[in-house]
Amino acid sequence: MNTSSQVIGWQGLSVVVPEDWTVGAVEGDRREGYLRVDGPDFPRLEVRWSEAGKTDLDKTVQRYLQQLTRTKSQVPVETDDQTRFISRRKVGKDQIRPFLWRGENAGYGVGWICKCGRLVLAQVLGDRDEPGLEALAVEILSHLEDHARQGWNLWSLYDLSTELPEGFQLTKTQLRAGLTELTFDRKPERVVTARWGMAETALRGTTLRSWAVTRLWKALRNFRPNSEEFSFRGHEGLRITGEAAAPLGMAVRLGKHLVQQSHADQLVGYVWHCAPSNRIYVVYGMVDVTHRDLLDQIRDRTICHE
């Protein structure tokens, strides 16, 4: 890849792609879903995943290629499920099934079943006669990972890049102009990470503290929050802490901990203004008292600028 690159992460998947590619579509959850990454002009990468179960990998690839041949097109689709354009060593899997197809466009893909029980079908797309498409596919598919690293999942898209312990499940997303916000639950605990754009405009005539109060008061209304200034990577920031407005009594809390039952009555959060990227980043969570340092770890794994 001769251009600058970025890492996109979603539902335990991560892949390195050119910097001018962007997420075009995401669907599903950890068990089954779809990710599409678009180039400047058209879709360039598709990844589908599902629980493998007793799935036959060869038949799955053949079935997908058969569907392509039935697609109405001015140019008949030619398929090849015996190609060896990419090796098991490159992909890092014991069993793979490379495939390619050509019609009006072309795709170089590979399917595999990971030891974690996930079936993955991924393909790099391009023009039918695009020079270097095969080499590009090898490079991208070789760097596609399909499960957590050391217990942490990467979540990275639309200028928000962070990591969460794999026990947290994505439960809500806001993906719109100027805001990327992801909400994760590990019941009863909750963590929210967000990236706001055009920070200079948002902070014009106000302070970061006032901005945070306006944006976060509704989410934090069941807590008694306190804030203090702090510096993170040289950026102006706020540290927010608090306890539930109606906290558990000590006896009840002790009882829950004795039976290893979490209770999310502690608020810990961070807000900082990253001037080099002109963005505001927010990381906060409602967690058990024994997990208060978790938000520090997530904050440290959140990238605001390179």
C-alpha atoms as a PDB file:
ATOM      1  CA  MET A   1       0.000   0.000   0.000  1.00  0.00           C
ATOM      2  CA  ASN A   2       1.856   3.059  -1.267  1.00  0.00           C
ATOM      3  CA  THR A   3      -0.501   5.614   0.301  1.00  0.00           C
ATOM      4  CA  SER A   4      -1.092   6.617   3.923  1.00  0.00           C
ATOM      5  CA  SER A   5      -3.174   4.065   5.787  1.00  0.00           C
ATOM      6  CA  GLN A   6      -5.667   3.815   8.635  1.00  0.00           C
ATOM      7  CA  VAL A   7      -7.099   1.018  10.753  1.00  0.00           C
ATOM      8  CA  ILE A   8     -10.839   0.355  10.785  1.00  0.00           C
ATOM      9  CA  GLY A   9     -12.211  -1.732  13.649  1.00  0.00           C
ATOM     10  CA  TRP A  10     -15.728  -3.056  14.175  1.00  0.00           C
ATOM     11  CA  GLN A  11     -17.249  -5.981  16.123  1.00  0.00           C
ATOM     12  CA  GLY A  12     -13.886  -7.629  16.742  1.00  0.00           C
ATOM     13  CA  LEU A  13     -12.714  -7.155  13.147  1.00  0.00           C
ATOM     14  CA  SER A  14      -9.847  -4.850  12.223  1.00  0.00           C
ATOM     15  CA  VAL A  15      -8.299  -4.073   8.855  1.00  0.00           C
ATOM     16  CA  VAL A  16      -5.693  -1.679   7.450  1.00  0.00           C
ATOM     17  CA  VAL A  17      -6.922   0.316   4.430  1.00  0.00           C
ATOM     18  CA  PRO A  18      -5.871   3.471   2.531  1.00  0.00           C
ATOM     19  CA  GLU A  19      -6.494   6.722   4.366  1.00  0.00           C
ATOM     20  CA  ASP A  20      -8.989   7.998   1.778  1.00  0.00           C
ATOM     21  CA  TRP A  21     -11.297   4.986   2.239  1.00  0.00           C
ATOM     22  CA  THR A  22     -14.202   5.325   4.652  1.00  0.00           C
ATOM     23  CA  VAL A  23     -16.848   3.097   6.212  1.00  0.00           C
ATOM     24  CA  GLY A  24     -19.858   2.990   3.901  1.00  0.00           C
ATOM     25  CA  ALA A  25     -22.116   0.571   5.784  1.00  0.00           C
ATOM     26  CA  VAL A  26     -22.224  -1.500   8.962  1.00  0.00           C
ATOM     27  CA  GLU A  27     -24.906  -4.008   9.883  1.00  0.00           C
ATOM     28  CA  GLY A  28     -25.515  -6.714  12.452  1.00  0.00           C
ATOM     29  CA  ASP A  29     -23.703  -7.572  15.666  1.00  0.00           C
ATOM     30  CA  ARG A  30     -20.831  -9.699  16.951  1.00  0.00           C
ATOM     31  CA  ARG A  31     -22.505 -12.936  15.871  1.00  0.00           C
ATOM     32  CA  GLU A  32     -23.453 -11.955  12.330  1.00  0.00           C
ATOM     33  CA  GLY A  33     -22.932  -8.817  10.309  1.00  0.00           C
ATOM     34  CA  TYR A  34     -21.584  -6.884   7.362  1.00  0.00           C
ATOM     35  CA  LEU A  35     -18.995  -4.144   6.906  1.00  0.00           C
ATOM     36  CA  ARG A  36     -18.431  -2.167   3.703  1.00  0.00           C
ATOM     37  CA  VAL A  37     -15.571   0.252   3.181  1.00  0.00           C
ATOM     38  CA  ASP A  38     -15.797   2.691   0.266  1.00  0.00           C
ATOM     39  CA  GLY A  39     -13.086   4.358  -1.761  1.00  0.00           C
ATOM     40  CA  PRO A  40     -13.474   7.843  -3.228  1.00  0.00           C
ATOM     41  CA  ASP A  41     -15.583   6.524  -6.124  1.00  0.00           C
ATOM     42  CA  PHE A  42     -17.075   3.120  -5.276  1.00  0.00           C
ATOM     43  CA  PRO A  43     -17.083   0.274  -2.688  1.00  0.00           C
ATOM     44  CA  ARG A  44     -13.638  -1.259  -2.176  1.00  0.00           C
ATOM     45  CA  LEU A  45     -13.947  -3.788   0.640  1.00  0.00           C
ATOM     46  CA  GLU A  46     -16.727  -6.022   1.910  1.00  0.00           C
ATOM     47  CA  VAL A  47     -16.584  -8.261   4.965  1.00  0.00           C
ATOM     48  CA  ARG A  48     -19.342 -10.630   6.039  1.00  0.00           C
ATOM     49  CA  TRP A  49     -19.218 -12.715   9.198  1.00  0.00           C
ATOM     50  CA  SER A  50     -21.381 -15.204  11.055  1.00  0.00           C
ATOM     51  CA  GLU A  51     -21.133 -18.003  13.571  1.00  0.00           C
ATOM     52  CA  ALA A  52     -19.621 -20.960  11.759  1.00  0.00           C
ATOM     53  CA  GLY A  53     -21.431 -23.803  13.493  1.00  0.00           C
ATOM     54  CA  LYS A  54     -21.216 -26.803  11.167  1.00  0.00           C
ATOM     55  CA  THR A  55     -20.828 -24.630   8.055  1.00  0.00           C
ATOM     56  CA  ASP A  56     -18.934 -26.115   5.110  1.00  0.00           C
ATOM     57  CA  LEU A  57     -16.497 -23.402   4.002  1.00  0.00           C
ATOM     58  CA  ASP A  58     -16.137 -24.623   0.415  1.00  0.00           C
ATOM     59  CA  LYS A  59     -19.883 -24.808  -0.100  1.00  0.00           C
ATOM     60  CA  THR A  60     -20.357 -21.358   1.434  1.00  0.00           C
ATOM     61  CA  VAL A  61     -17.910 -19.801  -1.043  1.00  0.00           C
ATOM     62  CA  GLN A  62     -19.411 -21.712  -3.974  1.00  0.00           C
ATOM     63  CA  ARG A  63     -22.903 -20.600  -2.991  1.00  0.00           C
ATOM     64  CA  TYR A  64     -21.795 -16.962  -2.855  1.00  0.00           C
ATOM     65  CA  LEU A  65     -20.182 -17.164  -6.292  1.00  0.00           C
ATOM     66  CA  GLN A  66     -23.299 -18.808  -7.713  1.00  0.00           C
ATOM     67  CA  GLN A  67     -25.351 -15.870  -6.447  1.00  0.00           C
ATOM     68  CA  LEU A  68     -23.036 -13.504  -8.310  1.00  0.00           C
ATOM     69  CA  THR A  69     -23.499 -15.361 -11.585  1.00  0.00           C
ATOM     70  CA  ARG A  70     -27.272 -14.933 -11.282  1.00  0.00           C
ATOM     71  CA  THR A  71     -26.941 -11.157 -10.934  1.00  0.00           C
ATOM     72  CA  LYS A  72     -28.337  -9.278 -13.920  1.00  0.00           C
ATOM     73  CA  SER A  73     -25.416  -7.623 -15.662  1.00  0.00           C
ATOM     74  CA  GLN A  74     -24.376  -6.548 -19.135  1.00  0.00           C
ATOM     75  CA  VAL A  75     -21.146  -8.490 -18.663  1.00  0.00           C
ATOM     76  CA  PRO A  76     -21.457 -12.152 -17.566  1.00  0.00           C
ATOM     77  CA  VAL A  77     -19.740 -12.856 -14.245  1.00  0.00           C
ATOM     78  CA  GLU A  78     -16.855 -15.322 -14.394  1.00  0.00           C
ATOM     79  CA  THR A  79     -15.859 -16.988 -11.113  1.00  0.00           C
ATOM     80  CA  ASP A  80     -12.922 -19.025  -9.819  1.00  0.00           C
ATOM     81  CA  ASP A  81     -12.951 -20.832  -6.473  1.00  0.00           C
ATOM     82  CA  GLN A  82      -9.668 -22.652  -7.150  1.00  0.00           C
ATOM     83  CA  THR A  83      -7.445 -19.574  -7.313  1.00  0.00           C
ATOM     84  CA  ARG A  84      -4.387 -19.388  -5.076  1.00  0.00           C
ATOM     85  CA  PHE A  85      -3.725 -15.664  -5.200  1.00  0.00           C
ATOM     86  CA  ILE A  86      -3.287 -15.592  -1.401  1.00  0.00           C
ATOM     87  CA  SER A  87      -1.788 -18.196   0.922  1.00  0.00           C
ATOM     88  CA  ARG A  88      -2.679 -19.549   4.349  1.00  0.00           C
ATOM     89  CA  ARG A  89       0.566 -18.079   5.649  1.00  0.00           C
ATOM     90  CA  LYS A  90      -0.453 -14.604   4.487  1.00  0.00           C
ATOM     91  CA  VAL A  91      -3.910 -14.862   6.049  1.00  0.00           C
ATOM     92  CA  GLY A  92      -2.652 -16.616   9.171  1.00  0.00           C
ATOM     93  CA  LYS A  93      -5.375 -19.276   9.162  1.00  0.00           C
ATOM     94  CA  ASP A  94      -5.217 -23.059   8.940  1.00  0.00           C
ATOM     95  CA  GLN A  95      -8.051 -23.348   6.435  1.00  0.00           C
ATOM     96  CA  ILE A  96      -8.901 -20.756   3.793  1.00  0.00           C
ATOM     97  CA  ARG A  97     -10.777 -20.646   0.488  1.00  0.00           C
ATOM     98  CA  PRO A  98      -9.603 -17.899  -1.877  1.00  0.00           C
ATOM     99  CA  PHE A  99     -11.913 -16.872  -4.721  1.00  0.00           C
ATOM    100  CA  LEU A 100     -12.183 -14.289  -7.450  1.00  0.00           C
ATOM    101  CA  TRP A 101     -14.770 -13.075  -9.909  1.00  0.00           C
ATOM    102  CA  ARG A 102     -14.953 -10.743 -12.890  1.00  0.00           C
ATOM    103  CA  GLY A 103     -17.938  -9.084 -14.495  1.00  0.00           C
ATOM    104  CA  GLU A 104     -18.457  -5.382 -14.975  1.00  0.00           C
ATOM    105  CA  ASN A 105     -16.238  -5.115 -11.892  1.00  0.00           C
ATOM    106  CA  ALA A 106     -13.950  -7.586 -10.150  1.00  0.00           C
ATOM    107  CA  GLY A 107     -13.382  -8.990  -6.694  1.00  0.00           C
ATOM    108  CA  TYR A 108     -10.557 -10.874  -4.992  1.00  0.00           C
ATOM    109  CA  GLY A 109     -11.750 -12.563  -1.836  1.00  0.00           C
ATOM    110  CA  VAL A 110     -11.071 -15.203   0.765  1.00  0.00           C
ATOM    111  CA  GLY A 111     -13.157 -17.145   3.238  1.00  0.00           C
ATOM    112  CA  TRP A 112     -12.063 -18.827   6.441  1.00  0.00           C
ATOM    113  CA  ILE A 113     -13.308 -20.255   9.703  1.00  0.00           C
ATOM    114  CA  CYS A 114     -11.401 -18.935  12.695  1.00  0.00           C
ATOM    115  CA  LYS A 115     -10.592 -21.029  15.753  1.00  0.00           C
ATOM    116  CA  CYS A 116     -12.891 -18.691  17.693  1.00  0.00           C
ATOM    117  CA  GLY A 117     -15.816 -20.120  15.671  1.00  0.00           C
ATOM    118  CA  ARG A 118     -16.379 -17.198  13.327  1.00  0.00           C
ATOM    119  CA  LEU A 119     -16.935 -17.619   9.585  1.00  0.00           C
ATOM    120  CA  VAL A 120     -15.539 -14.706   7.564  1.00  0.00           C
ATOM    121  CA  LEU A 121     -15.965 -13.855   3.873  1.00  0.00           C
ATOM    122  CA  ALA A 122     -13.963 -10.822   2.768  1.00  0.00           C
ATOM    123  CA  GLN A 123     -13.271  -9.363  -0.656  1.00  0.00           C
ATOM    124  CA  VAL A 124     -11.491  -6.374  -2.175  1.00  0.00           C
ATOM    125  CA  LEU A 125     -13.351  -4.819  -5.107  1.00  0.00           C
ATOM    126  CA  GLY A 126     -12.216  -2.851  -8.123  1.00  0.00           C
ATOM    127  CA  ASP A 127     -12.555  -2.270 -11.844  1.00  0.00           C
ATOM    128  CA  ARG A 128     -12.509  -5.328 -14.056  1.00  0.00           C
ATOM    129  CA  ASP A 129      -9.077  -4.509 -15.512  1.00  0.00           C
ATOM    130  CA  GLU A 130      -7.686  -2.443 -12.644  1.00  0.00           C
ATOM    131  CA  PRO A 131      -3.876  -2.683 -12.508  1.00  0.00           C
ATOM    132  CA  GLY A 132      -2.580  -3.893  -9.157  1.00  0.00           C
ATOM    133  CA  LEU A 133      -5.953  -5.028  -7.819  1.00  0.00           C
ATOM    134  CA  GLU A 134      -4.677  -8.495  -6.925  1.00  0.00           C
ATOM    135  CA  ALA A 135      -1.663  -7.103  -5.054  1.00  0.00           C
ATOM    136  CA  LEU A 136      -3.903  -4.637  -3.203  1.00  0.00           C
ATOM    137  CA  ALA A 137      -6.246  -7.466  -2.216  1.00  0.00           C
ATOM    138  CA  VAL A 138      -3.369  -9.565  -0.889  1.00  0.00           C
ATOM    139  CA  GLU A 139      -2.083  -6.684   1.213  1.00  0.00           C
ATOM    140  CA  ILE A 140      -5.470  -5.778   2.699  1.00  0.00           C
ATOM    141  CA  LEU A 141      -6.731  -9.312   3.288  1.00  0.00           C
ATOM    142  CA  SER A 142      -3.392 -10.271   4.866  1.00  0.00           C
ATOM    143  CA  HIS A 143      -3.935  -7.632   7.546  1.00  0.00           C
ATOM    144  CA  LEU A 144      -7.569  -8.459   8.322  1.00  0.00           C
ATOM    145  CA  GLU A 145      -7.995  -9.736  11.883  1.00  0.00           C
ATOM    146  CA  ASP A 146     -11.215 -11.217  13.183  1.00  0.00           C
ATOM    147  CA  HIS A 147     -11.033 -11.304  16.966  1.00  0.00           C
ATOM    148  CA  ALA A 148      -9.899  -9.344  19.996  1.00  0.00           C
ATOM    149  CA  ARG A 149      -6.266  -8.734  20.879  1.00  0.00           C
ATOM    150  CA  GLN A 150      -5.378  -9.664  24.449  1.00  0.00           C
ATOM    151  CA  GLY A 151      -9.009  -9.291  25.484  1.00  0.00           C
ATOM    152  CA  TRP A 152      -9.599  -5.851  23.901  1.00  0.00           C
ATOM    153  CA  ASN A 153     -11.676  -5.066  20.800  1.00  0.00           C
ATOM    154  CA  LEU A 154     -10.735  -2.180  18.527  1.00  0.00           C
ATOM    155  CA  TRP A 155     -13.558   0.176  17.523  1.00  0.00           C
ATOM    156  CA  SER A 156     -12.327   2.592  14.886  1.00  0.00           C
ATOM    157  CA  LEU A 157     -14.280   4.574  12.305  1.00  0.00           C
ATOM    158  CA  TYR A 158     -15.122   8.166  11.394  1.00  0.00           C
ATOM    159  CA  ASP A 159     -12.199   9.641  13.369  1.00  0.00           C
ATOM    160  CA  LEU A 160     -13.052   7.775  16.574  1.00  0.00           C
ATOM    161  CA  SER A 161     -10.570   5.062  17.531  1.00  0.00           C
ATOM    162  CA  THR A 162     -10.800   3.346  20.900  1.00  0.00           C
ATOM    163  CA  GLU A 163     -10.691  -0.080  22.539  1.00  0.00           C
ATOM    164  CA  LEU A 164     -13.111  -1.833  24.881  1.00  0.00           C
ATOM    165  CA  PRO A 165     -12.806  -5.116  26.788  1.00  0.00           C
ATOM    166  CA  GLU A 166     -14.393  -7.839  24.679  1.00  0.00           C
ATOM    167  CA  GLY A 167     -17.093  -8.430  27.296  1.00  0.00           C
ATOM    168  CA  PHE A 168     -18.722  -5.113  26.364  1.00  0.00           C
ATOM    169  CA  GLN A 169     -21.364  -5.297  23.619  1.00  0.00           C
ATOM    170  CA  LEU A 170     -22.241  -2.416  21.301  1.00  0.00           C
ATOM    171  CA  THR A 171     -25.840  -1.422  22.064  1.00  0.00           C
ATOM    172  CA  LYS A 172     -26.282   2.000  20.448  1.00  0.00           C
ATOM    173  CA  THR A 173     -24.611   4.059  17.726  1.00  0.00           C
ATOM    174  CA  GLN A 174     -24.830   7.631  16.494  1.00  0.00           C
ATOM    175  CA  LEU A 175     -23.009   8.026  13.190  1.00  0.00           C
ATOM    176  CA  ARG A 176     -23.782  11.416  11.732  1.00  0.00           C
ATOM    177  CA  ALA A 177     -22.038  14.535  10.497  1.00  0.00           C
ATOM    178  CA  GLY A 178     -19.982  15.985  13.305  1.00  0.00           C
ATOM    179  CA  LEU A 179     -20.592  13.162  15.786  1.00  0.00           C
ATOM    180  CA  THR A 180     -19.521   9.558  16.196  1.00  0.00           C
ATOM    181  CA  GLU A 181     -20.862   8.055  19.428  1.00  0.00           C
ATOM    182  CA  LEU A 182     -20.761   4.412  20.508  1.00  0.00           C
ATOM    183  CA  THR A 183     -22.486   3.014  23.595  1.00  0.00           C
ATOM    184  CA  PHE A 184     -21.399  -0.301  25.108  1.00  0.00           C
ATOM    185  CA  ASP A 185     -23.021  -2.395  27.822  1.00  0.00           C
ATOM    186  CA  ARG A 186     -21.718  -5.107  30.103  1.00  0.00           C
ATOM    187  CA  LYS A 187     -24.767  -5.200  32.295  1.00  0.00           C
ATOM    188  CA  PRO A 188     -25.248  -3.408  34.539  1.00  0.00           C
ATOM    189  CA  GLU A 189     -22.224  -1.334  33.487  1.00  0.00           C
ATOM    190  CA  ARG A 190     -22.201   1.089  30.552  1.00  0.00           C
ATOM    191  CA  VAL A 191     -19.430   2.941  28.680  1.00  0.00           C
ATOM    192  CA  VAL A 192     -19.918   5.723  26.115  1.00  0.00           C
ATOM    193  CA  THR A 193     -17.206   6.966  23.751  1.00  0.00           C
ATOM    194  CA  ALA A 194     -17.691   9.896  21.384  1.00  0.00           C
ATOM    195  CA  ARG A 195     -15.930  12.187  18.953  1.00  0.00           C
ATOM    196  CA  TRP A 196     -17.341  15.641  18.172  1.00  0.00           C
ATOM    197  CA  GLY A 197     -16.087  17.568  15.160  1.00  0.00           C
ATOM    198  CA  MET A 198     -15.530  21.285  14.540  1.00  0.00           C
ATOM    199  CA  ALA A 199     -14.429  21.899  18.115  1.00  0.00           C
ATOM    200  CA  GLU A 200     -13.336  25.489  17.509  1.00  0.00           C
ATOM    201  CA  THR A 201     -16.842  26.389  16.375  1.00  0.00           C
ATOM    202  CA  ALA A 202     -18.481  24.464  19.230  1.00  0.00           C
ATOM    203  CA  LEU A 203     -16.301  26.185  21.852  1.00  0.00           C
ATOM    204  CA  ARG A 204     -16.522  29.688  20.422  1.00  0.00           C
ATOM    205  CA  GLY A 205     -17.807  31.987  23.164  1.00  0.00           C
ATOM    206  CA  THR A 206     -17.969  29.226  25.776  1.00  0.00           C
ATOM    207  CA  THR A 207     -15.756  26.953  27.871  1.00  0.00           C
ATOM    208  CA  LEU A 208     -15.136  23.225  27.686  1.00  0.00           C
ATOM    209  CA  ARG A 209     -16.862  22.837  31.056  1.00  0.00           C
ATOM    210  CA  SER A 210     -19.985  24.668  29.855  1.00  0.00           C
ATOM    211  CA  TRP A 211     -19.999  22.633  26.648  1.00  0.00           C
ATOM    212  CA  ALA A 212     -19.761  19.394  28.635  1.00  0.00           C
ATOM    213  CA  VAL A 213     -22.588  20.405  30.971  1.00  0.00           C
ATOM    214  CA  THR A 214     -24.824  21.200  27.987  1.00  0.00           C
ATOM    215  CA  ARG A 215     -24.034  17.985  26.120  1.00  0.00           C
ATOM    216  CA  LEU A 216     -23.848  15.484  28.972  1.00  0.00           C
ATOM    217  CA  TRP A 217     -26.277  16.647  31.651  1.00  0.00           C
ATOM    218  CA  LYS A 218     -29.126  14.438  30.411  1.00  0.00           C
ATOM    219  CA  ALA A 219     -26.969  11.309  30.310  1.00  0.00           C
ATOM    220  CA  LEU A 220     -25.584  12.007  33.790  1.00  0.00           C
ATOM    221  CA  ARG A 221     -28.777  13.217  35.452  1.00  0.00           C
ATOM    222  CA  ASN A 222     -29.001  10.174  37.750  1.00  0.00           C
ATOM    223  CA  PHE A 223     -25.571  10.939  39.229  1.00  0.00           C
ATOM    224  CA  ARG A 224     -24.069  13.690  41.340  1.00  0.00           C
ATOM    225  CA  PRO A 225     -21.171  14.646  39.059  1.00  0.00           C
ATOM    226  CA  ASN A 226     -18.127  16.669  40.014  1.00  0.00           C
ATOM    227  CA  SER A 227     -15.545  17.902  37.532  1.00  0.00           C
ATOM    228  CA  GLU A 228     -11.961  19.049  37.721  1.00  0.00           C
ATOM    229  CA  GLU A 229      -9.557  20.298  35.100  1.00  0.00           C
ATOM    230  CA  PHE A 230      -6.899  17.915  33.852  1.00  0.00           C
ATOM    231  CA  SER A 231      -4.410  17.749  31.001  1.00  0.00           C
ATOM    232  CA  PHE A 232      -4.339  14.752  28.669  1.00  0.00           C
ATOM    233  CA  ARG A 233      -1.565  14.478  26.084  1.00  0.00           C
ATOM    234  CA  GLY A 234      -1.120  18.204  26.471  1.00  0.00           C
ATOM    235  CA  HIS A 235      -4.800  18.902  25.737  1.00  0.00           C
ATOM    236  CA  GLU A 236      -7.251  20.892  27.860  1.00  0.00           C
ATOM    237  CA  GLY A 237      -9.607  18.488  29.576  1.00  0.00           C
ATOM    238  CA  LEU A 238     -12.059  17.664  32.352  1.00  0.00           C
ATOM    239  CA  ARG A 239     -12.226  14.672  34.653  1.00  0.00           C
ATOM    240  CA  ILE A 240     -15.744  13.854  35.805  1.00  0.00           C
ATOM    241  CA  THR A 241     -16.513  11.663  38.811  1.00  0.00           C
ATOM    242  CA  GLY A 242     -19.599  10.997  40.844  1.00  0.00           C
ATOM    243  CA  GLU A 243     -21.884   8.569  42.564  1.00  0.00           C
ATOM    244  CA  ALA A 244     -25.453   7.568  41.848  1.00  0.00           C
ATOM    245  CA  ALA A 245     -27.933  10.077  43.259  1.00  0.00           C
ATOM    246  CA  ALA A 246     -29.530   7.212  45.186  1.00  0.00           C
ATOM    247  CA  PRO A 247     -26.510   5.003  45.964  1.00  0.00           C
ATOM    248  CA  LEU A 248     -26.781   1.574  47.493  1.00  0.00           C
ATOM    249  CA  GLY A 249     -26.408   1.312  51.212  1.00  0.00           C
ATOM    250  CA  MET A 250     -23.090  -0.069  52.394  1.00  0.00           C
ATOM    251  CA  ALA A 251     -24.652  -3.334  53.546  1.00  0.00           C
ATOM    252  CA  VAL A 252     -26.395  -3.922  50.205  1.00  0.00           C
ATOM    253  CA  ARG A 253     -23.247  -3.016  48.250  1.00  0.00           C
ATOM    254  CA  LEU A 254     -21.140  -5.356  50.387  1.00  0.00           C
ATOM    255  CA  GLY A 255     -23.642  -8.141  49.816  1.00  0.00           C
ATOM    256  CA  LYS A 256     -23.490  -7.675  46.052  1.00  0.00           C
ATOM    257  CA  HIS A 257     -19.696  -7.797  46.070  1.00  0.00           C
ATOM    258  CA  LEU A 258     -19.671 -10.922  48.218  1.00  0.00           C
ATOM    259  CA  VAL A 259     -21.703 -12.722  45.558  1.00  0.00           C
ATOM    260  CA  GLN A 260     -19.617 -11.043  42.814  1.00  0.00           C
ATOM    261  CA  GLN A 261     -22.571  -9.062  41.495  1.00  0.00           C
ATOM    262  CA  SER A 262     -21.625  -5.736  39.906  1.00  0.00           C
ATOM    263  CA  HIS A 263     -23.532  -2.523  40.459  1.00  0.00           C
ATOM    264  CA  ALA A 264     -22.963   0.497  38.224  1.00  0.00           C
ATOM    265  CA  ASP A 265     -23.230   3.283  40.791  1.00  0.00           C
ATOM    266  CA  GLN A 266     -19.885   4.966  40.071  1.00  0.00           C
ATOM    267  CA  LEU A 267     -19.429   7.606  37.370  1.00  0.00           C
ATOM    268  CA  VAL A 268     -16.008   8.214  35.820  1.00  0.00           C
ATOM    269  CA  GLY A 269     -15.483  10.229  32.666  1.00  0.00           C
ATOM    270  CA  TYR A 270     -13.142  12.370  30.617  1.00  0.00           C
ATOM    271  CA  VAL A 271     -13.680  15.191  28.139  1.00  0.00           C
ATOM    272  CA  TRP A 272     -10.812  16.784  26.227  1.00  0.00           C
ATOM    273  CA  HIS A 273     -10.298  19.231  23.383  1.00  0.00           C
ATOM    274  CA  CYS A 274      -7.797  17.982  20.812  1.00  0.00           C
ATOM    275  CA  ALA A 275      -6.800  21.219  19.062  1.00  0.00           C
ATOM    276  CA  PRO A 276      -4.560  19.599  16.384  1.00  0.00           C
ATOM    277  CA  SER A 277      -7.514  17.573  15.071  1.00  0.00           C
ATOM    278  CA  ASN A 278     -10.167  20.227  15.924  1.00  0.00           C
ATOM    279  CA  ARG A 279     -12.225  17.650  17.823  1.00  0.00           C
ATOM    280  CA  ILE A 280     -13.666  17.047  21.265  1.00  0.00           C
ATOM    281  CA  TYR A 281     -13.407  13.535  22.680  1.00  0.00           C
ATOM    282  CA  VAL A 282     -15.621  12.106  25.406  1.00  0.00           C
ATOM    283  CA  VAL A 283     -15.185   8.865  27.347  1.00  0.00           C
ATOM    284  CA  TYR A 284     -17.412   8.147  30.339  1.00  0.00           C
ATOM    285  CA  GLY A 285     -18.984   5.212  32.072  1.00  0.00           C
ATOM    286  CA  MET A 286     -21.185   4.005  34.888  1.00  0.00           C
ATOM    287  CA  VAL A 287     -19.295   1.147  36.492  1.00  0.00           C
ATOM    288  CA  ASP A 288     -18.908  -0.870  39.645  1.00  0.00           C
ATOM    289  CA  VAL A 289     -16.662   0.656  42.307  1.00  0.00           C
ATOM    290  CA  THR A 290     -14.108  -2.113  41.672  1.00  0.00           C
ATOM    291  CA  HIS A 291     -13.823  -1.068  38.004  1.00  0.00           C
ATOM    292  CA  ARG A 292     -13.216   2.661  38.415  1.00  0.00           C
ATOM    293  CA  ASP A 293      -9.813   2.429  36.697  1.00  0.00           C
ATOM    294  CA  LEU A 294     -11.410   0.905  33.580  1.00  0.00           C
ATOM    295  CA  LEU A 295     -12.273   4.351  32.208  1.00  0.00           C
ATOM    296  CA  ASP A 296      -8.633   5.420  32.589  1.00  0.00           C
ATOM    297  CA  GLN A 297      -7.607   2.435  30.471  1.00  0.00           C
ATOM    298  CA  ILE A 298     -10.204   3.177  27.784  1.00  0.00           C
ATOM    299  CA  ARG A 299      -9.189   6.848  27.752  1.00  0.00           C
ATOM    300  CA  ASP A 300      -5.549   5.859  27.251  1.00  0.00           C
ATOM    301  CA  ARG A 301      -6.554   3.579  24.350  1.00  0.00           C
ATOM    302  CA  THR A 302      -8.501   6.364  22.612  1.00  0.00           C
ATOM    303  CA  ILE A 303      -6.501   8.036  19.835  1.00  0.00           C
ATOM    304  CA  CYS A 304      -7.244  11.698  19.205  1.00  0.00           C
ATOM    305  CA  HIS A 305      -4.417  12.634  16.842  1.00  0.00           C
ATOM    306  CA  GLU A 306      -1.320  10.973  15.445  1.00  0.00           C
END
